[in-house]
Amino acid sequence: MKISIAHACAMTGLLALGSQFMAAPAQAAEEKEKCYGVVKAGQNDCATKTSSCAGTAKTDAAGDAFVIMPKGLCEKLAGGSLQPK
């Protein structure tokens, strides 16, 4: 009987631990936002109208290039915008 109780405790612990890890990506996505107009050339996170993929923005502070950052920080930065310019 002791082995069954030990297994049950271990499984309960693993399930509890797993549910915390499954919730983390959803929380992380909610706490991030795209910030336009503050990216250095070559540091953008995704394609833009004038560049084909991440890391290819040709100018600093391009209005259509964004970087993902913590929610609430973008609008505090000079030139930062939640919408493409």
PDB file of N, CA and C in Angstrom:
ATOM      1  N   MET A   1       0.810  -1.197   0.000  1.00  0.00           N
ATOM      2  CA  MET A   1       0.000   0.000   0.000  1.00  0.00           C
ATOM      3  C   MET A   1       0.855   1.264   0.000  1.00  0.00           C
ATOM      4  N   LYS A   2       2.014   1.244   0.637  1.00  0.00           N
ATOM      5  CA  LYS A   2       2.865   2.424   0.690  1.00  0.00           C
ATOM      6  C   LYS A   2       3.342   2.840  -0.696  1.00  0.00           C
ATOM      7  N   ILE A   3       3.590   1.860  -1.560  1.00  0.00           N
ATOM      8  CA  ILE A   3       4.042   2.177  -2.913  1.00  0.00           C
ATOM      9  C   ILE A   3       2.936   2.903  -3.669  1.00  0.00           C
ATOM     10  N   SER A   4       1.708   2.501  -3.528  1.00  0.00           N
ATOM     11  CA  SER A   4       0.590   3.144  -4.217  1.00  0.00           C
ATOM     12  C   SER A   4       0.403   4.579  -3.749  1.00  0.00           C
ATOM     13  N   ILE A   5       0.531   4.823  -2.470  1.00  0.00           N
ATOM     14  CA  ILE A   5       0.401   6.182  -1.937  1.00  0.00           C
ATOM     15  C   ILE A   5       1.544   7.045  -2.456  1.00  0.00           C
ATOM     16  N   ALA A   6       2.750   6.502  -2.493  1.00  0.00           N
ATOM     17  CA  ALA A   6       3.895   7.252  -3.005  1.00  0.00           C
ATOM     18  C   ALA A   6       3.694   7.602  -4.473  1.00  0.00           C
ATOM     19  N   HIS A   7       3.195   6.663  -5.245  1.00  0.00           N
ATOM     20  CA  HIS A   7       2.936   6.921  -6.663  1.00  0.00           C
ATOM     21  C   HIS A   7       1.857   7.987  -6.832  1.00  0.00           C
ATOM     22  N   ALA A   8       0.825   7.907  -6.031  1.00  0.00           N
ATOM     23  CA  ALA A   8      -0.262   8.882  -6.111  1.00  0.00           C
ATOM     24  C   ALA A   8       0.249  10.283  -5.773  1.00  0.00           C
ATOM     25  N   CYS A   9       1.076  10.384  -4.759  1.00  0.00           N
ATOM     26  CA  CYS A   9       1.647  11.684  -4.372  1.00  0.00           C
ATOM     27  C   CYS A   9       2.544  12.233  -5.478  1.00  0.00           C
ATOM     28  N   ALA A  10       3.353  11.370  -6.047  1.00  0.00           N
ATOM     29  CA  ALA A  10       4.248  11.794  -7.123  1.00  0.00           C
ATOM     30  C   ALA A  10       3.449  12.272  -8.332  1.00  0.00           C
ATOM     31  N   MET A  11       2.417  11.548  -8.699  1.00  0.00           N
ATOM     32  CA  MET A  11       1.593  11.934  -9.849  1.00  0.00           C
ATOM     33  C   MET A  11       0.868  13.254  -9.591  1.00  0.00           C
ATOM     34  N   THR A  12       0.367  13.433  -8.382  1.00  0.00           N
ATOM     35  CA  THR A  12      -0.314  14.681  -8.033  1.00  0.00           C
ATOM     36  C   THR A  12       0.655  15.851  -8.141  1.00  0.00           C
ATOM     37  N   GLY A  13       1.865  15.653  -7.643  1.00  0.00           N
ATOM     38  CA  GLY A  13       2.883  16.703  -7.736  1.00  0.00           C
ATOM     39  C   GLY A  13       3.240  17.029  -9.168  1.00  0.00           C
ATOM     40  N   LEU A  14       3.394  16.018  -9.996  1.00  0.00           N
ATOM     41  CA  LEU A  14       3.720  16.251 -11.401  1.00  0.00           C
ATOM     42  C   LEU A  14       2.589  16.967 -12.128  1.00  0.00           C
ATOM     43  N   LEU A  15       1.359  16.593 -11.853  1.00  0.00           N
ATOM     44  CA  LEU A  15       0.218  17.258 -12.484  1.00  0.00           C
ATOM     45  C   LEU A  15       0.145  18.723 -12.072  1.00  0.00           C
ATOM     46  N   ALA A  16       0.376  19.000 -10.802  1.00  0.00           N
ATOM     47  CA  ALA A  16       0.350  20.383 -10.323  1.00  0.00           C
ATOM     48  C   ALA A  16       1.471  21.190 -10.963  1.00  0.00           C
ATOM     49  N   LEU A  17       2.630  20.608 -11.046  1.00  0.00           N
ATOM     50  CA  LEU A  17       3.776  21.279 -11.657  1.00  0.00           C
ATOM     51  C   LEU A  17       3.534  21.512 -13.135  1.00  0.00           C
ATOM     52  N   GLY A  18       2.993  20.532 -13.814  1.00  0.00           N
ATOM     53  CA  GLY A  18       2.710  20.659 -15.243  1.00  0.00           C
ATOM     54  C   GLY A  18       1.693  21.740 -15.539  1.00  0.00           C
ATOM     55  N   SER A  19       0.687  21.887 -14.707  1.00  0.00           N
ATOM     56  CA  SER A  19      -0.327  22.909 -14.955  1.00  0.00           C
ATOM     57  C   SER A  19       0.259  24.303 -14.812  1.00  0.00           C
ATOM     58  N   GLN A  20       1.262  24.486 -13.970  1.00  0.00           N
ATOM     59  CA  GLN A  20       1.917  25.790 -13.851  1.00  0.00           C
ATOM     60  C   GLN A  20       2.681  26.113 -15.121  1.00  0.00           C
ATOM     61  N   PHE A  21       3.368  25.133 -15.695  1.00  0.00           N
ATOM     62  CA  PHE A  21       4.140  25.373 -16.904  1.00  0.00           C
ATOM     63  C   PHE A  21       3.234  25.606 -18.105  1.00  0.00           C
ATOM     64  N   MET A  22       2.087  24.972 -18.125  1.00  0.00           N
ATOM     65  CA  MET A  22       1.168  25.155 -19.245  1.00  0.00           C
ATOM     66  C   MET A  22       0.550  26.543 -19.206  1.00  0.00           C
ATOM     67  N   ALA A  23       0.362  27.124 -18.042  1.00  0.00           N
ATOM     68  CA  ALA A  23      -0.231  28.454 -17.927  1.00  0.00           C
ATOM     69  C   ALA A  23       0.793  29.546 -18.237  1.00  0.00           C
ATOM     70  N   ALA A  24       2.064  29.300 -18.072  1.00  0.00           N
ATOM     71  CA  ALA A  24       3.095  30.322 -18.246  1.00  0.00           C
ATOM     72  C   ALA A  24       3.116  30.937 -19.637  1.00  0.00           C
ATOM     73  N   PRO A  25       3.065  30.170 -20.738  1.00  0.00           N
ATOM     74  CA  PRO A  25       3.086  30.814 -22.051  1.00  0.00           C
ATOM     75  C   PRO A  25       1.893  31.732 -22.280  1.00  0.00           C
ATOM     76  N   ALA A  26       0.728  31.362 -21.798  1.00  0.00           N
ATOM     77  CA  ALA A  26      -0.446  32.218 -21.964  1.00  0.00           C
ATOM     78  C   ALA A  26      -0.262  33.520 -21.207  1.00  0.00           C
ATOM     79  N   GLN A  27       0.268  33.465 -19.998  1.00  0.00           N
ATOM     80  CA  GLN A  27       0.520  34.671 -19.236  1.00  0.00           C
ATOM     81  C   GLN A  27       1.590  35.512 -19.909  1.00  0.00           C
ATOM     82  N   ALA A  28       2.637  34.892 -20.402  1.00  0.00           N
ATOM     83  CA  ALA A  28       3.717  35.619 -21.047  1.00  0.00           C
ATOM     84  C   ALA A  28       3.208  36.351 -22.282  1.00  0.00           C
ATOM     85  N   ALA A  29       2.336  35.731 -23.056  1.00  0.00           N
ATOM     86  CA  ALA A  29       1.808  36.370 -24.254  1.00  0.00           C
ATOM     87  C   ALA A  29       0.965  37.584 -23.899  1.00  0.00           C
ATOM     88  N   GLU A  30       0.244  37.518 -22.807  1.00  0.00           N
ATOM     89  CA  GLU A  30      -0.592  38.628 -22.381  1.00  0.00           C
ATOM     90  C   GLU A  30       0.232  39.804 -21.883  1.00  0.00           C
ATOM     91  N   GLU A  31       1.426  39.565 -21.421  1.00  0.00           N
ATOM     92  CA  GLU A  31       2.234  40.608 -20.815  1.00  0.00           C
ATOM     93  C   GLU A  31       3.217  41.236 -21.788  1.00  0.00           C
ATOM     94  N   LYS A  32       3.101  40.928 -23.068  1.00  0.00           N
ATOM     95  CA  LYS A  32       3.994  41.462 -24.090  1.00  0.00           C
ATOM     96  C   LYS A  32       3.187  42.245 -25.117  1.00  0.00           C
ATOM     97  N   GLU A  33       3.866  43.155 -25.842  1.00  0.00           N
ATOM     98  CA  GLU A  33       3.215  43.889 -26.913  1.00  0.00           C
ATOM     99  C   GLU A  33       4.237  44.277 -27.967  1.00  0.00           C
ATOM    100  N   LYS A  34       3.758  44.555 -29.163  1.00  0.00           N
ATOM    101  CA  LYS A  34       4.617  45.015 -30.242  1.00  0.00           C
ATOM    102  C   LYS A  34       4.833  46.515 -30.069  1.00  0.00           C
ATOM    103  N   CYS A  35       6.075  46.943 -30.197  1.00  0.00           N
ATOM    104  CA  CYS A  35       6.404  48.364 -30.088  1.00  0.00           C
ATOM    105  C   CYS A  35       7.060  48.806 -31.393  1.00  0.00           C
ATOM    106  N   TYR A  36       6.422  49.729 -32.080  1.00  0.00           N
ATOM    107  CA  TYR A  36       6.890  50.229 -33.372  1.00  0.00           C
ATOM    108  C   TYR A  36       7.677  51.524 -33.186  1.00  0.00           C
ATOM    109  N   GLY A  37       8.623  51.754 -34.063  1.00  0.00           N
ATOM    110  CA  GLY A  37       9.327  53.026 -34.121  1.00  0.00           C
ATOM    111  C   GLY A  37      10.513  53.180 -33.195  1.00  0.00           C
ATOM    112  N   VAL A  38      10.913  52.136 -32.502  1.00  0.00           N
ATOM    113  CA  VAL A  38      12.041  52.257 -31.568  1.00  0.00           C
ATOM    114  C   VAL A  38      13.176  51.282 -31.877  1.00  0.00           C
ATOM    115  N   VAL A  39      13.033  50.529 -32.941  1.00  0.00           N
ATOM    116  CA  VAL A  39      13.974  49.460 -33.258  1.00  0.00           C
ATOM    117  C   VAL A  39      15.224  50.006 -33.949  1.00  0.00           C
ATOM    118  N   LYS A  40      16.377  49.514 -33.552  1.00  0.00           N
ATOM    119  CA  LYS A  40      17.620  49.821 -34.251  1.00  0.00           C
ATOM    120  C   LYS A  40      17.667  49.032 -35.554  1.00  0.00           C
ATOM    121  N   ALA A  41      18.358  49.540 -36.535  1.00  0.00           N
ATOM    122  CA  ALA A  41      18.491  48.840 -37.822  1.00  0.00           C
ATOM    123  C   ALA A  41      19.013  47.426 -37.585  1.00  0.00           C
ATOM    124  N   GLY A  42      18.347  46.459 -38.212  1.00  0.00           N
ATOM    125  CA  GLY A  42      18.762  45.068 -38.102  1.00  0.00           C
ATOM    126  C   GLY A  42      18.340  44.364 -36.825  1.00  0.00           C
ATOM    127  N   GLN A  43      17.529  44.996 -35.994  1.00  0.00           N
ATOM    128  CA  GLN A  43      17.123  44.395 -34.717  1.00  0.00           C
ATOM    129  C   GLN A  43      15.623  44.137 -34.612  1.00  0.00           C
ATOM    130  N   ASN A  44      14.878  44.276 -35.702  1.00  0.00           N
ATOM    131  CA  ASN A  44      13.425  44.073 -35.641  1.00  0.00           C
ATOM    132  C   ASN A  44      13.080  42.601 -35.420  1.00  0.00           C
ATOM    133  N   ASP A  45      11.891  42.371 -34.871  1.00  0.00           N
ATOM    134  CA  ASP A  45      11.463  41.016 -34.538  1.00  0.00           C
ATOM    135  C   ASP A  45      10.739  40.294 -35.661  1.00  0.00           C
ATOM    136  N   CYS A  46      10.285  40.976 -36.691  1.00  0.00           N
ATOM    137  CA  CYS A  46       9.540  40.314 -37.752  1.00  0.00           C
ATOM    138  C   CYS A  46       9.644  41.118 -39.040  1.00  0.00           C
ATOM    139  N   ALA A  47       9.098  40.572 -40.123  1.00  0.00           N
ATOM    140  CA  ALA A  47       9.131  41.249 -41.423  1.00  0.00           C
ATOM    141  C   ALA A  47       8.364  42.571 -41.372  1.00  0.00           C
ATOM    142  N   THR A  48       8.747  43.490 -42.241  1.00  0.00           N
ATOM    143  CA  THR A  48       8.066  44.777 -42.366  1.00  0.00           C
ATOM    144  C   THR A  48       7.695  44.983 -43.830  1.00  0.00           C
ATOM    145  N   LYS A  49       7.119  46.135 -44.133  1.00  0.00           N
ATOM    146  CA  LYS A  49       6.777  46.439 -45.527  1.00  0.00           C
ATOM    147  C   LYS A  49       8.033  46.572 -46.381  1.00  0.00           C
ATOM    148  N   THR A  50       9.139  46.976 -45.775  1.00  0.00           N
ATOM    149  CA  THR A  50      10.360  47.231 -46.537  1.00  0.00           C
ATOM    150  C   THR A  50      11.467  46.222 -46.278  1.00  0.00           C
ATOM    151  N   SER A  51      11.236  45.248 -45.418  1.00  0.00           N
ATOM    152  CA  SER A  51      12.237  44.204 -45.173  1.00  0.00           C
ATOM    153  C   SER A  51      11.551  42.850 -45.101  1.00  0.00           C
ATOM    154  N   SER A  52      12.269  41.808 -45.487  1.00  0.00           N
ATOM    155  CA  SER A  52      11.639  40.504 -45.693  1.00  0.00           C
ATOM    156  C   SER A  52      11.520  39.623 -44.453  1.00  0.00           C
ATOM    157  N   CYS A  53      12.333  39.847 -43.433  1.00  0.00           N
ATOM    158  CA  CYS A  53      12.245  38.988 -42.249  1.00  0.00           C
ATOM    159  C   CYS A  53      12.848  39.675 -41.031  1.00  0.00           C
ATOM    160  N   ALA A  54      12.827  38.982 -39.916  1.00  0.00           N
ATOM    161  CA  ALA A  54      13.377  39.528 -38.674  1.00  0.00           C
ATOM    162  C   ALA A  54      14.842  39.878 -38.841  1.00  0.00           C
ATOM    163  N   GLY A  55      15.236  40.985 -38.236  1.00  0.00           N
ATOM    164  CA  GLY A  55      16.639  41.389 -38.265  1.00  0.00           C
ATOM    165  C   GLY A  55      17.073  42.054 -39.554  1.00  0.00           C
ATOM    166  N   THR A  56      16.114  42.507 -40.364  1.00  0.00           N
ATOM    167  CA  THR A  56      16.494  43.104 -41.650  1.00  0.00           C
ATOM    168  C   THR A  56      16.018  44.540 -41.823  1.00  0.00           C
ATOM    169  N   ALA A  57      15.546  45.194 -40.772  1.00  0.00           N
ATOM    170  CA  ALA A  57      15.157  46.602 -40.886  1.00  0.00           C
ATOM    171  C   ALA A  57      16.377  47.401 -41.321  1.00  0.00           C
ATOM    172  N   LYS A  58      16.180  48.278 -42.287  1.00  0.00           N
ATOM    173  CA  LYS A  58      17.311  48.988 -42.881  1.00  0.00           C
ATOM    174  C   LYS A  58      17.680  50.283 -42.168  1.00  0.00           C
ATOM    175  N   THR A  59      16.759  50.866 -41.398  1.00  0.00           N
ATOM    176  CA  THR A  59      17.037  52.124 -40.714  1.00  0.00           C
ATOM    177  C   THR A  59      16.631  52.037 -39.247  1.00  0.00           C
ATOM    178  N   ASP A  60      17.240  52.891 -38.441  1.00  0.00           N
ATOM    179  CA  ASP A  60      16.835  53.010 -37.043  1.00  0.00           C
ATOM    180  C   ASP A  60      15.450  53.648 -36.978  1.00  0.00           C
ATOM    181  N   ALA A  61      14.654  53.257 -36.010  1.00  0.00           N
ATOM    182  CA  ALA A  61      13.339  53.828 -35.727  1.00  0.00           C
ATOM    183  C   ALA A  61      12.388  53.769 -36.916  1.00  0.00           C
ATOM    184  N   ALA A  62      12.487  52.731 -37.734  1.00  0.00           N
ATOM    185  CA  ALA A  62      11.554  52.558 -38.859  1.00  0.00           C
ATOM    186  C   ALA A  62      10.148  52.420 -38.304  1.00  0.00           C
ATOM    187  N   GLY A  63       9.205  53.148 -38.875  1.00  0.00           N
ATOM    188  CA  GLY A  63       7.840  53.175 -38.367  1.00  0.00           C
ATOM    189  C   GLY A  63       7.084  51.877 -38.499  1.00  0.00           C
ATOM    190  N   ASP A  64       7.514  51.004 -39.421  1.00  0.00           N
ATOM    191  CA  ASP A  64       6.804  49.735 -39.594  1.00  0.00           C
ATOM    192  C   ASP A  64       7.536  48.556 -38.958  1.00  0.00           C
ATOM    193  N   ALA A  65       8.700  48.791 -38.374  1.00  0.00           N
ATOM    194  CA  ALA A  65       9.469  47.727 -37.703  1.00  0.00           C
ATOM    195  C   ALA A  65       9.115  47.715 -36.221  1.00  0.00           C
ATOM    196  N   PHE A  66       8.964  46.518 -35.685  1.00  0.00           N
ATOM    197  CA  PHE A  66       8.624  46.422 -34.259  1.00  0.00           C
ATOM    198  C   PHE A  66       9.538  45.464 -33.524  1.00  0.00           C
ATOM    199  N   VAL A  67       9.499  45.598 -32.213  1.00  0.00           N
ATOM    200  CA  VAL A  67      10.177  44.691 -31.304  1.00  0.00           C
ATOM    201  C   VAL A  67       9.167  44.335 -30.218  1.00  0.00           C
ATOM    202  N   ILE A  68       9.192  43.097 -29.760  1.00  0.00           N
ATOM    203  CA  ILE A  68       8.291  42.661 -28.688  1.00  0.00           C
ATOM    204  C   ILE A  68       8.913  43.077 -27.355  1.00  0.00           C
ATOM    205  N   MET A  69       8.103  43.702 -26.503  1.00  0.00           N
ATOM    206  CA  MET A  69       8.597  44.124 -25.193  1.00  0.00           C
ATOM    207  C   MET A  69       7.505  44.022 -24.144  1.00  0.00           C
ATOM    208  N   PRO A  70       7.862  44.147 -22.878  1.00  0.00           N
ATOM    209  CA  PRO A  70       6.858  44.048 -21.815  1.00  0.00           C
ATOM    210  C   PRO A  70       5.752  45.088 -21.981  1.00  0.00           C
ATOM    211  N   LYS A  71       4.543  44.674 -21.699  1.00  0.00           N
ATOM    212  CA  LYS A  71       3.383  45.550 -21.831  1.00  0.00           C
ATOM    213  C   LYS A  71       3.543  46.793 -20.964  1.00  0.00           C
ATOM    214  N   GLY A  72       3.224  47.942 -21.531  1.00  0.00           N
ATOM    215  CA  GLY A  72       3.288  49.202 -20.804  1.00  0.00           C
ATOM    216  C   GLY A  72       4.578  49.971 -21.002  1.00  0.00           C
ATOM    217  N   LEU A  73       5.609  49.341 -21.521  1.00  0.00           N
ATOM    218  CA  LEU A  73       6.902  50.005 -21.685  1.00  0.00           C
ATOM    219  C   LEU A  73       6.975  50.825 -22.966  1.00  0.00           C
ATOM    220  N   CYS A  74       6.362  50.370 -24.031  1.00  0.00           N
ATOM    221  CA  CYS A  74       6.498  50.994 -25.346  1.00  0.00           C
ATOM    222  C   CYS A  74       6.150  52.476 -25.339  1.00  0.00           C
ATOM    223  N   GLU A  75       5.002  52.808 -24.823  1.00  0.00           N
ATOM    224  CA  GLU A  75       4.550  54.191 -24.868  1.00  0.00           C
ATOM    225  C   GLU A  75       5.373  55.119 -23.973  1.00  0.00           C
ATOM    226  N   LYS A  76       6.199  54.583 -23.125  1.00  0.00           N
ATOM    227  CA  LYS A  76       7.088  55.390 -22.293  1.00  0.00           C
ATOM    228  C   LYS A  76       8.375  55.757 -23.037  1.00  0.00           C
ATOM    229  N   LEU A  77       8.656  55.061 -24.145  1.00  0.00           N
ATOM    230  CA  LEU A  77       9.865  55.313 -24.914  1.00  0.00           C
ATOM    231  C   LEU A  77       9.640  56.424 -25.931  1.00  0.00           C
ATOM    232  N   ALA A  78      10.638  57.258 -26.136  1.00  0.00           N
ATOM    233  CA  ALA A  78      10.544  58.324 -27.144  1.00  0.00           C
ATOM    234  C   ALA A  78      10.371  57.690 -28.508  1.00  0.00           C
ATOM    235  N   GLY A  79       9.303  58.043 -29.202  1.00  0.00           N
ATOM    236  CA  GLY A  79       9.041  57.495 -30.525  1.00  0.00           C
ATOM    237  C   GLY A  79       8.299  56.180 -30.522  1.00  0.00           C
ATOM    238  N   GLY A  80       8.060  55.603 -29.366  1.00  0.00           N
ATOM    239  CA  GLY A  80       7.375  54.318 -29.275  1.00  0.00           C
ATOM    240  C   GLY A  80       5.897  54.427 -29.583  1.00  0.00           C
ATOM    241  N   SER A  81       5.368  53.447 -30.311  1.00  0.00           N
ATOM    242  CA  SER A  81       3.961  53.437 -30.688  1.00  0.00           C
ATOM    243  C   SER A  81       3.469  51.998 -30.732  1.00  0.00           C
ATOM    244  N   LEU A  82       2.213  51.792 -30.346  1.00  0.00           N
ATOM    245  CA  LEU A  82       1.617  50.454 -30.421  1.00  0.00           C
ATOM    246  C   LEU A  82       1.066  50.165 -31.813  1.00  0.00           C
ATOM    247  N   GLN A  83       1.050  51.164 -32.688  1.00  0.00           N
ATOM    248  CA  GLN A  83       0.572  51.021 -34.063  1.00  0.00           C
ATOM    249  C   GLN A  83       1.702  51.388 -35.030  1.00  0.00           C
ATOM    250  N   PRO A  84       1.745  50.743 -36.192  1.00  0.00           N
ATOM    251  CA  PRO A  84       2.769  51.117 -37.189  1.00  0.00           C
ATOM    252  C   PRO A  84       2.571  52.576 -37.618  1.00  0.00           C
ATOM    253  N   LYS A  85       3.668  53.222 -37.927  1.00  0.00           N
ATOM    254  CA  LYS A  85       3.593  54.645 -38.335  1.00  0.00           C
ATOM    255  C   LYS A  85       3.579  54.749 -39.839  1.00  0.00           C
TER     256      LYS A  85
END
